[in-house]
Protein backbone atom coordinates (compact mmCIF):
# COMPACT_ATOMS: atom_id res chain seq x y z
CA MET A 1 -56.23 4.40 -1.65
CA ASP A 2 -53.41 6.16 -3.73
CA GLY A 3 -54.09 9.67 -4.62
CA GLN A 4 -56.66 9.97 -1.83
CA ASN A 5 -57.13 12.84 0.53
CA VAL A 6 -56.19 12.29 3.82
CA SER A 7 -54.98 13.86 7.26
CA PHE A 8 -52.01 14.37 8.11
CA PRO A 9 -49.26 11.04 9.22
CA ASN A 10 -48.29 11.21 13.12
CA THR A 11 -45.37 8.98 12.31
CA PHE A 12 -42.89 8.85 9.57
CA VAL A 13 -40.80 6.21 7.74
CA LEU A 14 -36.95 7.25 7.20
CA LEU A 15 -35.66 4.39 5.15
CA GLY A 16 -32.02 6.64 5.60
CA PHE A 17 -29.31 3.53 3.70
CA SER A 18 -31.24 0.63 4.26
CA ASP A 19 -31.29 0.01 0.24
CA HIS A 20 -27.23 -0.18 0.71
CA PRO A 21 -26.70 -1.36 4.17
CA CYS A 22 -23.16 -1.11 3.49
CA SER A 23 -19.80 0.35 5.26
CA ILE A 24 -16.01 0.65 4.62
CA ILE A 25 -15.82 -2.66 6.72
CA LEU A 26 -18.74 -4.15 5.04
CA LEU A 27 -16.99 -3.72 1.63
CA SER A 28 -13.73 -4.66 3.06
CA LEU A 29 -14.97 -8.40 3.47
CA LEU A 30 -18.23 -8.37 0.24
CA GLY A 31 -14.93 -7.56 -1.79
CA PRO A 32 -12.18 -9.33 -2.93
CA ARG A 33 -9.77 -6.96 -3.93
CA LEU A 34 -9.94 -5.24 -1.09
CA GLN A 35 -8.76 -8.33 1.95
CA THR A 36 -5.75 -6.72 1.80
CA PRO A 37 -3.53 -5.77 4.27
CA MET A 38 -3.86 -2.50 4.10
CA TYR A 39 -8.03 -2.68 3.94
CA PHE A 40 -7.68 -4.61 7.55
CA PHE A 41 -5.97 -2.16 8.94
CA LEU A 42 -8.13 0.41 7.79
CA ASP A 43 -11.23 -2.23 9.36
CA ASN A 44 -9.73 -1.13 12.63
CA LEU A 45 -8.95 2.23 11.77
CA SER A 46 -13.52 2.43 11.13
CA MET A 47 -13.42 0.66 14.86
CA ILE A 48 -11.60 3.44 16.12
CA ASP A 49 -13.38 6.56 14.53
CA LEU A 50 -16.64 4.83 15.54
CA CYS A 51 -15.70 4.49 19.04
CA VAL A 52 -14.43 7.51 19.73
CA THR A 53 -17.47 9.34 17.87
CA SER A 54 -19.66 6.94 19.46
CA THR A 55 -17.98 8.17 23.01
CA ILE A 56 -18.05 12.46 22.86
CA VAL A 57 -20.91 13.08 19.97
CA PRO A 58 -23.83 12.03 21.35
CA GLN A 59 -22.85 13.98 25.09
CA LEU A 60 -21.74 16.85 23.22
CA LEU A 61 -24.94 17.13 20.94
CA THR A 62 -27.17 16.54 23.92
CA ASN A 63 -25.10 19.71 26.28
CA LEU A 64 -25.40 21.96 23.04
CA LEU A 65 -29.39 21.54 22.72
CA GLY A 66 -30.32 21.04 26.55
CA PRO A 67 -30.07 23.70 29.09
CA GLU A 68 -27.77 21.68 31.00
CA LYS A 69 -23.74 20.87 30.10
CA THR A 70 -22.99 17.99 31.97
CA ILE A 71 -22.31 14.48 31.92
CA SER A 72 -22.35 11.60 34.87
CA ALA A 73 -19.02 10.80 37.13
CA TRP A 74 -19.78 7.60 35.30
CA GLY A 75 -20.30 9.01 32.18
CA CYS A 76 -16.74 10.86 32.23
CA VAL A 77 -15.22 7.74 33.57
CA THR A 78 -16.71 6.38 30.19
CA GLN A 79 -15.31 8.90 27.90
CA LEU A 80 -12.02 9.19 29.77
CA TYR A 81 -10.73 5.42 29.11
CA ILE A 82 -11.68 5.29 25.61
CA PHE A 83 -10.81 8.27 24.26
CA SER A 84 -7.14 7.86 25.49
CA TRP A 85 -7.75 4.24 24.30
CA ALA A 86 -8.86 5.15 21.03
CA GLY A 87 -6.65 7.32 20.69
CA SER A 88 -3.00 5.90 21.74
CA THR A 89 -4.74 2.91 19.46
CA GLU A 90 -4.62 4.96 16.78
CA CYS A 91 -1.14 6.46 16.63
CA ALA A 92 0.25 3.17 17.53
CA LEU A 93 -2.02 2.82 14.13
CA LEU A 94 -1.04 4.75 11.27
CA ALA A 95 2.36 4.13 12.11
CA VAL A 96 1.32 0.03 11.19
CA MET A 97 0.10 1.70 7.91
CA ALA A 98 2.37 3.58 6.57
CA PHE A 99 5.06 0.35 7.47
CA ASP A 100 2.71 -1.55 5.36
CA ARG A 101 2.86 1.18 2.96
CA TYR A 102 6.39 1.46 3.22
CA ALA A 103 6.21 -2.50 2.37
CA ALA A 104 3.98 -2.73 -0.42
CA VAL A 105 6.09 0.33 -2.53
CA CYS A 106 9.66 -0.34 -1.14
CA GLN A 107 9.55 -4.29 -0.29
CA PRO A 108 6.96 -5.39 -3.34
CA LEU A 109 9.13 -8.70 -3.64
CA ARG A 110 8.32 -9.64 0.33
CA TYR A 111 5.68 -8.18 0.50
CA ALA A 112 3.24 -10.70 0.97
CA ALA A 113 5.87 -12.29 3.92
CA LEU A 114 6.04 -9.29 5.60
CA MET A 115 2.36 -8.72 6.29
CA HIS A 116 1.48 -11.95 5.98
CA PRO A 117 -1.73 -12.15 7.41
CA TRP A 118 -0.58 -13.71 10.75
CA ALA A 119 1.63 -11.21 11.06
CA CYS A 120 -1.43 -7.99 10.56
CA VAL A 121 -3.37 -10.02 13.15
CA TRP A 122 -0.96 -9.69 15.66
CA LEU A 123 0.32 -6.28 14.47
CA ALA A 124 -3.57 -4.93 15.09
CA ALA A 125 -3.15 -6.44 18.47
CA ALA A 126 -0.24 -4.77 19.85
CA CYS A 127 -2.11 -1.48 18.58
CA TRP A 128 -5.36 -2.32 20.51
CA SER A 129 -3.47 -3.18 23.38
CA SER A 130 -1.03 -0.58 23.67
CA GLY A 131 -3.73 1.86 23.50
CA LEU A 132 -5.40 -0.10 26.15
CA ALA A 133 -2.57 -0.43 29.08
CA ASN A 134 -1.56 3.02 28.23
CA SER A 135 -5.72 4.16 28.56
CA LEU A 136 -5.22 2.32 32.08
CA LEU A 137 -2.64 4.55 33.08
CA GLN A 138 -3.72 7.39 32.24
CA ALA A 139 -6.91 7.36 32.90
CA THR A 140 -6.54 5.50 36.44
CA LEU A 141 -4.19 8.07 37.57
CA THR A 142 -6.61 10.76 36.88
CA ILE A 143 -9.49 9.42 38.67
CA LEU A 144 -7.60 9.06 41.58
CA LEU A 145 -6.46 12.60 42.06
CA PRO A 146 -7.77 14.39 44.59
CA LEU A 147 -10.51 17.00 42.88
CA CYS A 148 -11.52 18.98 46.26
CA GLY A 149 -14.90 19.27 44.92
CA ARG A 150 -14.13 21.29 41.63
CA ASN A 151 -16.06 19.55 39.18
CA THR A 152 -16.52 22.62 36.25
CA LEU A 153 -14.64 21.31 33.35
CA ASP A 154 -13.31 23.81 30.65
CA HIS A 155 -13.85 21.33 28.19
CA PHE A 156 -16.34 19.72 25.62
CA PHE A 157 -15.74 16.44 27.28
CA CYS A 158 -13.65 14.32 30.20
CA GLU A 159 -10.30 14.09 28.52
CA VAL A 160 -7.15 13.67 30.49
CA PRO A 161 -5.04 17.07 30.64
CA ALA A 162 -8.43 19.28 31.50
CA LEU A 163 -8.71 16.76 34.27
CA ILE A 164 -5.60 17.49 35.83
CA LYS A 165 -6.18 21.18 35.28
CA LEU A 166 -9.08 20.24 38.04
CA ALA A 167 -7.20 18.83 40.65
CA CYS A 168 -5.69 20.18 43.92
CA GLY A 169 -3.48 17.67 44.93
CA ASP A 170 0.56 16.93 43.61
CA THR A 171 -0.33 15.79 39.43
CA THR A 172 3.72 14.72 39.03
CA ALA A 173 2.93 11.28 38.83
CA ASN A 174 -0.05 12.14 36.26
CA ASP A 175 2.38 14.57 34.34
CA LEU A 176 4.97 11.68 33.99
CA ALA A 177 2.86 9.19 32.59
CA LEU A 178 1.67 11.63 29.95
CA ALA A 179 5.16 12.41 29.25
CA MET A 180 5.77 8.84 29.02
CA GLY A 181 3.29 7.88 26.56
CA ALA A 182 3.91 10.75 24.57
CA ILE A 183 7.47 8.87 24.33
CA PRO A 184 6.03 5.83 21.68
CA PHE A 185 2.88 7.57 20.99
CA GLY A 186 3.19 11.16 20.04
CA ILE A 187 6.86 10.35 19.39
CA VAL A 188 7.97 7.09 17.80
CA ALA A 189 4.78 6.69 16.31
CA PRO A 190 4.66 10.11 13.62
CA LEU A 191 9.05 8.82 13.35
CA VAL A 192 7.84 5.74 11.96
CA VAL A 193 5.18 7.31 9.79
CA LEU A 194 8.22 9.98 8.73
CA MET A 195 10.69 7.57 8.15
CA SER A 196 8.21 5.08 6.31
CA TYR A 197 7.51 7.95 4.00
CA SER A 198 10.62 8.90 3.58
CA PHE A 199 11.90 5.69 2.30
CA ILE A 200 8.89 5.54 -0.16
CA ALA A 201 9.31 8.77 -1.44
CA ARG A 202 13.23 8.23 -2.68
CA VAL A 203 12.28 4.66 -4.17
CA VAL A 204 9.06 6.60 -5.78
CA LEU A 205 11.89 9.59 -7.38
CA LYS A 206 13.35 7.22 -8.99
CA LEU A 207 10.43 5.03 -10.94
CA PRO A 208 11.48 5.75 -14.94
CA SER A 209 7.28 6.53 -15.91
CA ALA A 210 5.43 9.01 -14.82
CA GLU A 211 2.23 6.54 -14.73
CA GLY A 212 4.21 4.48 -12.18
CA ARG A 213 4.94 7.55 -9.82
CA SER A 214 1.59 8.31 -10.02
CA LYS A 215 0.41 4.19 -9.13
CA ALA A 216 2.73 4.58 -6.45
CA PHE A 217 1.27 7.75 -4.63
CA SER A 218 -2.12 7.23 -5.11
CA THR A 219 -1.95 4.21 -3.18
CA CYS A 220 -0.36 5.88 -0.29
CA SER A 221 -2.02 9.57 -0.30
CA SER A 222 -5.02 8.46 1.17
CA HIS A 223 -2.99 7.65 4.24
CA LEU A 224 -1.17 10.17 4.40
CA LEU A 225 -3.57 12.57 4.27
CA VAL A 226 -5.16 10.53 7.16
CA VAL A 227 -2.07 10.73 9.04
CA THR A 228 -1.86 14.53 8.11
CA LEU A 229 -5.41 15.38 10.17
CA PHE A 230 -4.58 12.99 12.30
CA PHE A 231 -1.17 13.67 13.84
CA GLY A 232 -1.27 17.10 13.28
CA PRO A 233 -3.90 18.82 15.96
CA ALA A 234 -3.06 15.94 18.45
CA ILE A 235 0.98 17.11 18.56
CA TYR A 236 -0.43 20.55 18.29
CA MET A 237 -2.54 19.63 21.49
CA TYR A 238 0.26 17.19 23.48
CA LEU A 239 3.53 18.71 22.67
CA GLN A 240 3.61 21.88 22.83
CA PRO A 241 3.45 24.61 25.54
CA PRO A 242 -0.20 25.07 26.65
CA ALA A 243 -2.37 26.84 24.55
CA ASN A 244 -5.28 28.58 25.68
CA SER A 245 -9.56 27.01 26.22
CA ILE A 246 -10.51 28.01 22.75
CA GLN A 247 -7.80 26.51 20.54
CA ALA A 248 -7.12 23.64 22.38
CA LYS A 249 -11.11 22.71 22.71
CA PHE A 250 -10.78 23.83 18.72
CA MET A 251 -7.76 21.40 18.45
CA SER A 252 -9.90 18.45 20.19
CA PHE A 253 -13.25 18.58 18.47
CA PHE A 254 -11.30 18.86 15.34
CA TYR A 255 -8.72 15.18 16.20
CA CYS A 256 -12.19 13.62 17.89
CA VAL A 257 -15.02 14.98 15.64
CA ILE A 258 -14.00 15.86 12.10
CA THR A 259 -11.15 13.65 11.73
CA PRO A 260 -13.75 10.69 12.53
CA VAL A 261 -15.51 11.91 9.77
CA LEU A 262 -13.31 12.80 7.27
CA ASN A 263 -11.45 9.64 6.91
CA PRO A 264 -14.02 7.38 5.65
CA LEU A 265 -14.97 9.94 3.08
CA ILE A 266 -10.84 9.93 2.09
CA TYR A 267 -10.65 6.02 1.45
CA THR A 268 -14.06 6.19 -0.10
CA LEU A 269 -13.50 9.02 -2.78
CA ARG A 270 -10.31 8.64 -3.50
CA ASN A 271 -9.67 5.00 -3.82
CA LYS A 272 -10.04 3.02 -7.52
CA ASP A 273 -10.83 -0.18 -5.41
CA VAL A 274 -13.51 0.90 -2.79
CA LYS A 275 -15.60 2.80 -5.63
CA ALA A 276 -15.07 -0.53 -7.74
CA ALA A 277 -16.52 -1.92 -4.74
CA TRP A 278 -19.63 0.33 -3.93
CA ARG A 279 -20.62 -0.36 -8.46
CA ARG A 280 -20.48 -4.32 -8.00
CA ILE A 281 -22.97 -4.01 -4.46
CA LEU A 282 -24.52 -1.21 -5.80
CA LEU A 283 -25.46 -2.97 -9.24
CA THR A 284 -25.52 -6.69 -7.55
CA GLN A 285 -28.78 -5.70 -5.43
CA ASP A 286 -30.71 -3.40 -8.28
CA GLY A 287 -29.72 -7.20 -10.11
CA ARG A 288 -31.58 -8.66 -7.28
CA LYS A 289 -34.59 -5.73 -7.40
CA SER A 290 -34.89 -6.48 -10.50
CA PHE A 291 -35.63 -10.02 -10.00
CA LYS A 292 -38.15 -9.89 -7.47
CA ALA A 293 -39.87 -6.77 -9.07
CA ARG A 294 -40.81 -10.15 -12.25
C-alpha cells in the first residue's frame, strides 16, 4: 500500500514524546547521579507545579475559548484548596532547598549527615503538611463567608483574596488568617532563602580558584533563579498594598502558570547532570531500537 493514493484519513495518531517518555521525576529515579537530596526535593517541586497547572490551566483555557466564563462551585472549591496547598508547600520547599544548597556548599563534610535520606523525607513531609494546614485554614474560612448572591469574580481562577472581596460580612478572621499565614510562608521562608545564600556567597567569594567559585555557583544558580521567579511575584501580590485588578491577575498568572512551566526548563537546561542523564536514556532507547531492527 506504500505510495498508493488514498483519501484523507479521518484521524491521525500523535506519537508526541512517547519514544522518550521521560520527565524530571523519571530522570531522578533512573539516573544514579540524580538520586541526591537536591533532586529529591526537585521531584516534590515538580509534583507541586503539576498540581498547580492541572488545577488552573484547563479551566482557564475553557473560559478563554468558550462563550461562558464560569466555573462550578465544586470546581472553585477544588481550585481554592489545591492552589492554597500547593502555593504554601512550594514556599516551604524552596526554603528547604536553599538550606540544602547551604549545607552542600558551606558544610560539605557534614552534608551527608545533615541531609540524610530520612531527614529529607521528614523535611518534605513537613513542607506538605504545613502547606495543607494553611490551605485548610484559609480555604475553609473563605468558603464559610456569606457572599449574599455575589458570584462575579474579578479573576481567572478561585483564589482566597479574590473571594474575600466578594464577602458581604465581617472578614476580620480571614484577614487575620492571611496575615498569620504570611508569616511562615511569605516572610520566614524568603528569609531562610536569603540567609542561606548570604552564607553561600560569603563562602564562595573566599574560594581561591575561579574554577571552584564557578562550580559552587553552578550548583545554586538554578535554584536561585526559581526562587526569584516564585517569591518575587508572590511577595508583590500578598505583602504589598492591594494593586489594581489587571496587575493582580497578571502577577497571579505569572506565578501559577509561567513559573511552573519555566522550572523544568531551568533545572534541565542549566544542569550538566540532568543533560548527561537525558543522553544516557536516549542512547539506551536508540540502542534498543537498533537491536530490535536487527
